[in-house]
Amino acid sequence: MEPEGGANRRRIDAAVARLSGGRPHTVIRLAAAAAAFRMPPDANDRDVLEAPLRLAGDGAPERPVAEVLLQELLMDQLPVKLPTEHRDEWLDLLTHLSVAHDEECADVLLRHHQAGHVNRLTAHQVATLLTDTGWPSCGRHFIGDFGLRQMLVHRLYGLRPGGAAWYADHHLLRDHYGRGAADGEPPGGEAFGSVVTHRMNHHLVSGGADDVADHLAATLPGRPREWCAELLEIAQAPYPGGADARRERAQGLVVATGPALRRTVDQLLHAVWLCEERTRPTGQETARTLAQLLVLLSIMEFEGAGQLGKVATQWSDLAANEQPLLRCACTEQLGRRR
């Protein structure tokens, strides 16, 4: 049996690898902060961002390593073309944009958080400034660097007590895309196949998991192929701070309501969400859960159910090998140097 300290070290090393993207400076900072950090096996990678770091030689008190890195990566390397009036708010704006998927999504947030400003930044301008300073792009995430986005998401949740800033931003976007869905608008980017799916993504991460499960259960019969794509788009999302019961809910240890189809869809939603966040261990256990739930759905009596048997094999194989179910530029960056 592996010593407890060895398991903790391996868990921290995995978190550092994902959060750093292999960037040497970020690896050094995270590794130094996490040297004495205790990380439970089922912890979220973002937990390590709270590890304290004292910079040698500056006499300053310890600060969370995420705070140090965001200062060094963003505020100490401001884009040359960033207008002077936006320099003090650059970190705050990017923090809110960490939950955006495309430029339309980002513009909704920017209009809200720059209300009253005479000269406002647009999403296109911000995207250009990020590219100019060497940050990668992703068609599914406005902040296209996985590690940077995790740091900003972590900061967003902590901006106000109880994650209030997190919930406010997601509710703003949920309501925006709710109006778009009602008006029959087409999706604005490549991240989602429909405005409804985009809305459900923001609803899922801001307290609407039960509603999302209801929606998915109602839209599955007769369209399993399209439904699987929508499920992946909805569930490729970060989990808010606080207690995480997704694993228990996926395994049926949390009582769900409704008929068998709805209960099974609820479990599958949480299993896929766990896989797609990419910041918690999944592996064989989650792979088995995915396979069991999809096989269970495949033998239920609704049109197209049998097609889910093949999906069970595909998704469980990916999960067993810690591979994303829905690929994007961010997932391709994991473990690579920039």
Protein backbone atom coordinates (compact mmCIF):
# COMPACT_ATOMS: atom_id res chain seq x y z
CA MET A 1 0.00 0.00 0.00
CA GLU A 2 1.29 3.46 -0.90
CA PRO A 3 2.18 5.70 2.07
CA GLU A 4 -0.30 8.51 2.69
CA GLY A 5 2.39 11.11 2.05
CA GLY A 6 3.12 9.58 -1.34
CA ALA A 7 -0.53 9.73 -2.38
CA ASN A 8 -0.73 13.35 -1.27
CA ARG A 9 2.41 14.19 -3.26
CA ARG A 10 1.07 12.53 -6.40
CA ARG A 11 -2.25 14.37 -6.05
CA ILE A 12 -0.49 17.72 -5.67
CA ASP A 13 1.84 17.01 -8.59
CA ALA A 14 -1.15 16.24 -10.81
CA ALA A 15 -2.88 19.47 -9.77
CA VAL A 16 0.26 21.51 -10.39
CA ALA A 17 0.68 19.96 -13.84
CA ARG A 18 -2.89 20.80 -14.88
CA LEU A 19 -2.99 24.28 -13.39
CA SER A 20 0.41 25.30 -14.75
CA GLY A 21 0.04 23.97 -18.27
CA GLY A 22 3.73 23.17 -17.97
CA ARG A 23 4.78 26.84 -17.81
CA PRO A 24 8.04 26.75 -15.81
CA HIS A 25 7.42 29.88 -13.72
CA THR A 26 3.93 28.75 -12.72
CA VAL A 27 5.20 25.24 -11.91
CA ILE A 28 7.86 26.71 -9.62
CA ARG A 29 5.40 28.97 -7.79
CA LEU A 30 2.74 26.29 -7.34
CA ALA A 31 5.23 23.64 -6.29
CA ALA A 32 6.83 25.96 -3.73
CA ALA A 33 3.47 26.91 -2.23
CA ALA A 34 2.24 23.32 -2.14
CA ALA A 35 5.38 21.84 -0.59
CA ALA A 36 3.67 21.41 2.79
CA PHE A 37 0.08 21.47 1.53
CA ARG A 38 -2.33 18.70 2.45
CA MET A 39 -4.59 17.74 -0.44
CA PRO A 40 -7.21 14.99 -0.04
CA PRO A 41 -7.39 12.53 -2.97
CA ASP A 42 -10.81 13.80 -4.05
CA ALA A 43 -9.96 17.49 -3.73
CA ASN A 44 -10.43 19.98 -6.53
CA ASP A 45 -7.19 21.10 -8.18
CA ARG A 46 -8.18 24.69 -7.43
CA ASP A 47 -7.82 23.98 -3.69
CA VAL A 48 -4.06 24.20 -4.10
CA LEU A 49 -4.43 27.81 -5.24
CA GLU A 50 -5.07 28.76 -1.60
CA ALA A 51 -1.68 27.39 -0.53
CA PRO A 52 0.35 30.22 1.06
CA LEU A 53 3.49 31.51 -0.62
CA ARG A 54 6.10 33.89 0.75
CA LEU A 55 8.36 35.41 -1.88
CA ALA A 56 12.02 35.29 -0.93
CA GLY A 57 13.66 38.60 -0.19
CA ASP A 58 10.69 40.99 -0.30
CA GLY A 59 9.77 40.84 3.40
CA ALA A 60 6.07 40.70 2.56
CA PRO A 61 3.70 38.36 4.41
CA GLU A 62 2.49 35.11 2.91
CA ARG A 63 -0.20 35.34 0.26
CA PRO A 64 -2.25 32.67 -1.52
CA VAL A 65 -0.25 31.45 -4.49
CA ALA A 66 -3.10 32.29 -6.88
CA GLU A 67 -2.93 35.93 -5.81
CA VAL A 68 0.83 36.00 -6.42
CA LEU A 69 0.53 34.36 -9.84
CA LEU A 70 -2.29 36.58 -11.07
CA GLN A 71 -0.24 39.62 -10.09
CA GLU A 72 2.82 38.30 -11.90
CA LEU A 73 1.08 36.88 -14.97
CA LEU A 74 -1.43 39.66 -15.57
CA MET A 75 -0.85 42.87 -13.65
CA ASP A 76 2.94 42.85 -13.95
CA GLN A 77 2.66 42.12 -17.69
CA LEU A 78 -0.15 44.39 -18.81
CA PRO A 79 -0.84 44.50 -22.55
CA VAL A 80 1.07 47.37 -24.15
CA LYS A 81 -2.07 48.55 -25.96
CA LEU A 82 -4.35 48.41 -22.90
CA PRO A 83 -5.74 51.95 -22.43
CA THR A 84 -4.53 53.61 -19.24
CA GLU A 85 -8.04 54.04 -17.83
CA HIS A 86 -8.56 50.26 -17.85
CA ARG A 87 -5.29 49.19 -16.22
CA ASP A 88 -6.52 49.20 -12.64
CA GLU A 89 -9.60 47.14 -13.53
CA TRP A 90 -7.89 44.67 -15.88
CA LEU A 91 -7.71 41.85 -13.34
CA ASP A 92 -11.30 42.36 -12.20
CA LEU A 93 -12.61 42.36 -15.77
CA LEU A 94 -10.74 39.17 -16.63
CA THR A 95 -12.01 37.60 -13.42
CA HIS A 96 -15.60 38.13 -14.53
CA LEU A 97 -14.77 37.00 -18.07
CA SER A 98 -13.54 33.65 -16.73
CA VAL A 99 -17.13 32.36 -17.00
CA ALA A 100 -17.63 33.55 -20.59
CA HIS A 101 -17.51 31.22 -23.57
CA ASP A 102 -17.40 33.47 -26.62
CA GLU A 103 -17.34 37.16 -27.50
CA GLU A 104 -21.11 37.58 -27.25
CA CYS A 105 -21.05 36.04 -23.79
CA ALA A 106 -18.10 38.23 -22.80
CA ASP A 107 -19.76 41.40 -24.10
CA VAL A 108 -22.78 40.78 -21.87
CA LEU A 109 -20.47 40.69 -18.86
CA LEU A 110 -18.39 43.66 -19.99
CA ARG A 111 -21.43 45.87 -20.54
CA HIS A 112 -22.65 45.03 -17.06
CA HIS A 113 -19.36 45.50 -15.25
CA GLN A 114 -18.42 48.67 -17.15
CA ALA A 115 -21.83 50.31 -16.81
CA GLY A 116 -21.41 54.06 -16.58
CA HIS A 117 -17.98 54.08 -18.18
CA VAL A 118 -17.55 56.42 -21.12
CA ASN A 119 -14.84 54.35 -22.80
CA ARG A 120 -15.66 50.68 -22.46
CA LEU A 121 -13.64 47.71 -23.58
CA THR A 122 -15.36 45.27 -25.93
CA ALA A 123 -14.89 41.52 -25.92
CA HIS A 124 -13.10 41.71 -29.25
CA GLN A 125 -10.64 44.23 -27.84
CA VAL A 126 -10.00 42.10 -24.75
CA ALA A 127 -9.50 38.98 -26.86
CA THR A 128 -6.99 40.83 -29.04
CA LEU A 129 -5.13 42.14 -25.99
CA LEU A 130 -4.90 38.62 -24.54
CA THR A 131 -3.59 37.25 -27.83
CA ASP A 132 -1.08 40.09 -28.08
CA THR A 133 0.34 39.14 -24.68
CA GLY A 134 0.75 35.49 -25.65
CA TRP A 135 -2.30 33.84 -24.13
CA PRO A 136 -3.85 31.07 -26.25
CA SER A 137 -7.42 31.09 -27.52
CA CYS A 138 -10.15 28.46 -27.36
CA GLY A 139 -13.40 28.24 -29.28
CA ARG A 140 -15.27 27.05 -26.19
CA HIS A 141 -13.82 29.38 -23.56
CA PHE A 142 -13.20 33.11 -23.77
CA ILE A 143 -10.20 32.79 -21.43
CA GLY A 144 -8.45 30.20 -23.54
CA ASP A 145 -5.71 29.11 -21.14
CA PHE A 146 -6.93 26.36 -18.83
CA GLY A 147 -4.71 27.20 -15.85
CA LEU A 148 -5.25 30.95 -16.02
CA ARG A 149 -8.99 30.40 -16.24
CA GLN A 150 -8.95 28.20 -13.14
CA MET A 151 -7.13 30.92 -11.19
CA LEU A 152 -9.63 33.54 -12.33
CA VAL A 153 -12.62 31.29 -11.60
CA HIS A 154 -11.18 30.69 -8.14
CA ARG A 155 -10.80 34.43 -7.61
CA LEU A 156 -14.33 35.12 -8.88
CA TYR A 157 -15.88 32.75 -6.37
CA GLY A 158 -14.00 34.47 -3.56
CA LEU A 159 -14.73 38.06 -4.58
CA ARG A 160 -17.85 38.25 -2.41
CA PRO A 161 -19.11 36.10 0.48
CA GLY A 162 -20.83 32.86 -0.48
CA GLY A 163 -19.70 33.08 -4.09
CA ALA A 164 -22.16 35.92 -4.71
CA ALA A 165 -20.15 37.38 -7.60
CA TRP A 166 -19.97 33.94 -9.24
CA TYR A 167 -23.71 33.43 -9.00
CA ALA A 168 -24.49 36.96 -10.17
CA ASP A 169 -22.41 36.57 -13.34
CA HIS A 170 -23.91 33.19 -14.19
CA HIS A 171 -27.44 34.41 -13.50
CA LEU A 172 -26.82 37.41 -15.75
CA LEU A 173 -25.79 35.09 -18.58
CA ARG A 174 -28.53 32.56 -17.84
CA ASP A 175 -31.15 35.29 -18.13
CA HIS A 176 -29.56 36.76 -21.26
CA TYR A 177 -29.64 33.42 -23.06
CA GLY A 178 -33.08 32.70 -21.67
CA ARG A 179 -34.35 35.73 -23.55
CA GLY A 180 -32.42 34.63 -26.62
CA ALA A 181 -33.97 31.18 -26.47
CA ALA A 182 -37.45 32.67 -26.17
CA ASP A 183 -36.79 34.81 -29.25
CA GLY A 184 -35.48 31.85 -31.23
CA GLU A 185 -32.01 33.33 -31.71
CA PRO A 186 -29.26 31.14 -33.23
CA PRO A 187 -26.13 30.42 -31.15
CA GLY A 188 -23.52 33.16 -31.35
CA GLY A 189 -20.35 31.05 -31.30
CA GLU A 190 -19.00 27.54 -31.70
CA ALA A 191 -19.24 26.47 -28.06
CA PHE A 192 -22.92 25.54 -28.14
CA GLY A 193 -25.29 24.08 -30.67
CA SER A 194 -28.20 26.17 -29.40
CA VAL A 195 -28.98 29.14 -27.20
CA VAL A 196 -31.00 26.84 -24.93
CA THR A 197 -27.95 24.68 -24.30
CA HIS A 198 -25.85 27.76 -23.56
CA ARG A 199 -28.44 28.92 -21.05
CA MET A 200 -28.50 25.51 -19.40
CA ASN A 201 -24.72 25.57 -18.96
CA HIS A 202 -24.91 28.75 -16.88
CA HIS A 203 -28.01 27.51 -15.06
CA LEU A 204 -26.26 24.26 -14.10
CA VAL A 205 -23.38 25.99 -12.33
CA SER A 206 -25.53 28.52 -10.49
CA GLY A 207 -27.99 26.34 -8.63
CA GLY A 208 -30.13 24.95 -11.45
CA ALA A 209 -28.97 21.33 -11.59
CA ASP A 210 -32.47 19.96 -10.96
CA ASP A 211 -33.94 22.09 -13.75
CA VAL A 212 -31.18 20.97 -16.11
CA ALA A 213 -31.86 17.31 -15.28
CA ASP A 214 -35.57 17.89 -15.99
CA HIS A 215 -34.70 19.49 -19.34
CA LEU A 216 -32.36 16.67 -20.33
CA ALA A 217 -34.83 13.97 -19.36
CA ALA A 218 -37.54 15.64 -21.42
CA THR A 219 -35.38 16.10 -24.52
CA LEU A 220 -33.68 12.68 -24.70
CA PRO A 221 -36.33 10.40 -26.28
CA GLY A 222 -36.03 10.21 -30.06
CA ARG A 223 -32.76 12.15 -30.37
CA PRO A 224 -29.96 10.37 -28.49
CA ARG A 225 -27.13 11.52 -30.77
CA GLU A 226 -28.01 15.22 -30.56
CA TRP A 227 -28.79 14.82 -26.87
CA CYS A 228 -25.33 13.45 -26.07
CA ALA A 229 -23.72 16.45 -27.76
CA GLU A 230 -25.93 18.81 -25.77
CA LEU A 231 -25.16 17.02 -22.50
CA LEU A 232 -21.43 17.44 -23.07
CA GLU A 233 -21.84 21.14 -23.90
CA ILE A 234 -23.95 21.77 -20.81
CA ALA A 235 -21.67 19.85 -18.45
CA GLN A 236 -18.32 21.26 -19.62
CA ALA A 237 -18.35 23.71 -16.75
CA PRO A 238 -16.54 24.59 -13.53
CA TYR A 239 -18.04 23.66 -10.19
CA PRO A 240 -18.63 26.48 -7.70
CA GLY A 241 -16.75 26.51 -4.42
CA GLY A 242 -18.03 24.72 -1.37
CA ALA A 243 -19.03 21.11 -0.76
CA ASP A 244 -19.07 18.96 -3.89
CA ALA A 245 -21.61 16.13 -3.93
CA ARG A 246 -21.34 15.33 -7.64
CA ARG A 247 -19.64 11.98 -7.14
CA GLU A 248 -22.25 10.86 -4.60
CA ARG A 249 -25.06 12.14 -6.81
CA ALA A 250 -23.62 10.34 -9.84
CA GLN A 251 -23.49 7.09 -7.90
CA GLY A 252 -27.10 7.43 -6.75
CA LEU A 253 -26.17 8.03 -3.11
CA VAL A 254 -28.18 11.27 -3.12
CA VAL A 255 -31.89 10.66 -3.53
CA ALA A 256 -33.21 12.03 -6.83
CA THR A 257 -36.86 12.52 -7.68
CA GLY A 258 -39.01 11.50 -10.62
CA PRO A 259 -39.32 8.41 -12.81
CA ALA A 260 -36.41 6.10 -13.61
CA LEU A 261 -35.44 8.01 -16.78
CA ARG A 262 -35.19 11.31 -14.95
CA ARG A 263 -33.27 9.83 -12.01
CA THR A 264 -30.77 8.13 -14.30
CA VAL A 265 -30.29 11.28 -16.37
CA ASP A 266 -29.65 13.22 -13.15
CA GLN A 267 -26.92 10.76 -12.18
CA LEU A 268 -25.39 10.83 -15.66
CA LEU A 269 -25.38 14.64 -15.73
CA HIS A 270 -23.33 14.75 -12.54
CA ALA A 271 -20.93 12.03 -13.70
CA VAL A 272 -20.28 13.86 -16.98
CA TRP A 273 -19.92 17.18 -15.17
CA LEU A 274 -17.31 15.62 -12.90
CA CYS A 275 -15.37 14.36 -15.93
CA GLU A 276 -15.64 17.54 -17.94
CA GLU A 277 -14.46 19.98 -15.31
CA ARG A 278 -10.98 18.45 -15.57
CA THR A 279 -9.97 19.48 -12.03
CA ARG A 280 -10.88 16.36 -10.05
CA PRO A 281 -9.65 12.77 -10.38
CA THR A 282 -12.00 10.53 -12.35
CA GLY A 283 -10.39 7.35 -13.63
CA GLN A 284 -11.80 3.84 -13.40
CA GLU A 285 -14.51 4.53 -10.84
CA THR A 286 -16.13 7.32 -12.85
CA ALA A 287 -15.65 5.34 -16.06
CA ARG A 288 -17.64 2.47 -14.58
CA THR A 289 -20.34 4.85 -13.41
CA LEU A 290 -20.64 6.39 -16.88
CA ALA A 291 -20.87 2.98 -18.51
CA GLN A 292 -23.45 1.68 -16.06
CA LEU A 293 -25.71 4.71 -16.42
CA LEU A 294 -25.54 4.82 -20.21
CA VAL A 295 -26.18 1.08 -20.47
CA LEU A 296 -29.14 1.50 -18.13
CA LEU A 297 -30.54 4.24 -20.37
CA SER A 298 -29.90 2.13 -23.47
CA ILE A 299 -32.32 -0.58 -22.31
CA MET A 300 -35.13 1.79 -21.36
CA GLU A 301 -38.19 1.99 -23.54
CA PHE A 302 -37.86 5.18 -25.54
CA GLU A 303 -37.03 5.82 -29.19
CA GLY A 304 -33.32 5.59 -29.95
CA ALA A 305 -32.35 4.23 -26.54
CA GLY A 306 -30.21 1.44 -28.01
CA GLN A 307 -27.80 3.95 -29.55
CA LEU A 308 -26.54 4.86 -26.08
CA GLY A 309 -24.84 1.48 -25.66
CA LYS A 310 -22.07 2.48 -28.07
CA VAL A 311 -21.70 5.83 -26.30
CA ALA A 312 -21.24 3.95 -23.02
CA THR A 313 -18.14 2.25 -24.39
CA GLN A 314 -16.72 5.42 -25.94
CA TRP A 315 -17.19 7.67 -22.93
CA SER A 316 -16.09 5.14 -20.33
CA ASP A 317 -12.88 4.45 -22.28
CA LEU A 318 -12.10 8.17 -22.38
CA ALA A 319 -12.85 8.65 -18.68
CA ALA A 320 -10.77 5.63 -17.67
CA ASN A 321 -7.79 7.23 -19.37
CA GLU A 322 -8.47 10.69 -17.87
CA GLN A 323 -9.32 12.03 -21.33
CA PRO A 324 -11.94 14.73 -21.96
CA LEU A 325 -15.31 13.64 -23.30
CA LEU A 326 -15.55 16.92 -25.23
CA ARG A 327 -12.28 18.19 -26.62
CA CYS A 328 -11.35 21.82 -27.00
CA ALA A 329 -8.17 23.85 -27.34
CA CYS A 330 -7.92 24.07 -23.53
CA THR A 331 -7.83 20.32 -23.05
CA GLU A 332 -5.14 20.04 -25.71
CA GLN A 333 -3.01 22.47 -23.70
CA LEU A 334 -3.00 20.37 -20.55
CA GLY A 335 0.50 19.17 -19.89
CA ARG A 336 2.02 21.24 -22.70
CA ARG A 337 4.37 24.17 -22.37
CA ARG A 338 3.39 27.57 -23.69
